Protein backbone atom coordinates (compact mmCIF):
# COMPACT_ATOMS: atom_id res chain seq x y z
CA VAL A 1 -8.52 2.82 42.70
CA ASP A 2 -11.44 0.41 43.36
CA ASP A 3 -11.89 -3.08 41.79
CA ASP A 4 -14.56 -1.98 39.37
CA THR A 5 -12.25 0.86 38.00
CA THR A 6 -9.40 -1.57 37.67
CA HIS A 7 -11.54 -4.23 35.87
CA ALA A 8 -13.00 -1.47 33.59
CA LEU A 9 -9.35 -0.38 32.77
CA GLN A 10 -8.35 -3.97 32.01
CA ASP A 11 -11.45 -4.55 29.83
CA GLU A 12 -10.57 -1.42 27.92
CA GLN A 13 -6.92 -2.40 27.55
CA ALA A 14 -7.98 -5.98 26.26
CA ALA A 15 -10.27 -4.31 23.85
CA LEU A 16 -7.77 -1.84 22.52
CA ALA A 17 -5.18 -4.78 22.09
CA HIS A 18 -7.94 -6.85 20.32
CA ARG A 19 -8.58 -3.87 17.89
CA GLU A 20 -4.84 -3.48 17.22
CA VAL A 21 -4.49 -7.10 16.42
CA ALA A 22 -7.54 -7.04 14.13
CA GLU A 23 -6.02 -3.95 12.29
CA ALA A 24 -2.67 -5.64 11.97
CA PHE A 25 -4.34 -8.69 10.26
CA GLU A 26 -6.28 -6.37 8.06
CA LEU A 27 -3.17 -4.37 7.10
CA ASN A 28 -1.24 -7.60 6.37
CA ALA A 29 -4.08 -8.88 4.20
CA SER A 30 -4.13 -5.54 2.30
CA LEU A 31 -0.32 -5.62 1.86
CA GLY A 32 -0.63 -9.14 0.46
CA ARG A 33 -3.31 -8.06 -2.02
CA LEU A 34 -1.25 -5.10 -3.23
CA GLN A 35 1.83 -7.40 -3.70
CA HIS A 36 -0.29 -9.76 -5.72
CA CYS A 37 -1.75 -6.79 -7.70
CA LEU A 38 1.76 -5.23 -8.33
CA GLU A 39 3.08 -8.65 -9.56
CA ALA A 40 0.25 -8.71 -12.09
CA LEU A 41 1.44 -5.62 -13.74
CA ASP A 42 3.80 -5.56 -16.67
CA PRO A 43 7.36 -5.33 -15.41
CA ALA A 44 8.12 -1.98 -16.94
CA ARG A 45 4.94 -0.48 -15.50
CA ARG A 46 5.61 -2.04 -12.06
CA HIS A 47 8.90 -0.39 -12.05
CA CYS A 48 7.55 2.97 -12.86
CA VAL A 49 5.00 2.72 -10.06
CA LEU A 50 7.63 1.54 -7.50
CA HIS A 51 10.04 4.28 -8.66
CA ALA A 52 7.27 6.94 -8.18
CA TYR A 53 5.68 5.75 -5.05
CA VAL A 54 8.56 3.95 -3.25
CA ASP A 55 11.57 5.75 -4.33
CA GLY A 56 9.85 9.08 -4.70
CA CYS A 57 11.18 9.75 -8.23
CA SER A 58 9.47 12.32 -10.47
CA HIS A 59 8.08 11.12 -13.80
CA GLY A 60 10.97 12.78 -15.59
CA GLU A 61 13.58 10.89 -13.38
CA ILE A 62 11.81 7.67 -14.12
CA ALA A 63 11.76 8.39 -17.94
CA GLU A 64 15.41 9.14 -17.67
CA ARG A 65 16.22 5.92 -15.67
CA LEU A 66 14.28 3.76 -18.13
CA GLY A 67 15.22 5.59 -21.21
CA ALA A 68 11.51 5.91 -22.14
CA PRO A 69 9.61 9.02 -23.36
CA LEU A 70 8.08 11.03 -20.41
CA GLY A 71 4.50 10.70 -21.94
CA THR A 72 5.03 6.93 -21.96
CA VAL A 73 6.05 6.85 -18.31
CA LYS A 74 3.04 9.08 -17.33
CA ALA A 75 0.64 6.85 -19.31
CA TRP A 76 2.13 3.71 -17.74
CA ILE A 77 1.77 5.04 -14.20
CA ARG A 78 -1.81 6.32 -14.80
CA ARG A 79 -2.92 2.98 -16.29
CA SER A 80 -1.00 1.07 -13.62
CA LEU A 81 -2.77 3.01 -10.77
CA THR A 82 -6.14 2.22 -12.46
CA SER A 83 -5.26 -1.45 -12.67
CA LEU A 84 -4.16 -1.45 -9.00
CA ARG A 85 -7.42 0.26 -7.95
CA GLU A 86 -9.49 -2.35 -9.79
CA CYS A 87 -7.34 -5.28 -8.52
CA MET A 88 -7.51 -4.18 -4.94
CA ALA A 89 -11.42 -3.53 -4.95
């Protein structure tokens, strides 16, 4: 392998590393915004979203856990997702 090829590979690796660092910073910023937006939600709504999207619970399971009607849980999740989209925009 000649010097030009070696330098080209090193440049490519450096560019890749730079992109990975930039993507990591962007992801970190997005996670920070998401946490801020989640904290802005009403606690009951926040718990519904977290149970659904972090714990993987069904809407029925969430309703049972919280002792809330299924329709209420569905509405909370739908409204919360709308609020999160607006907050993240």
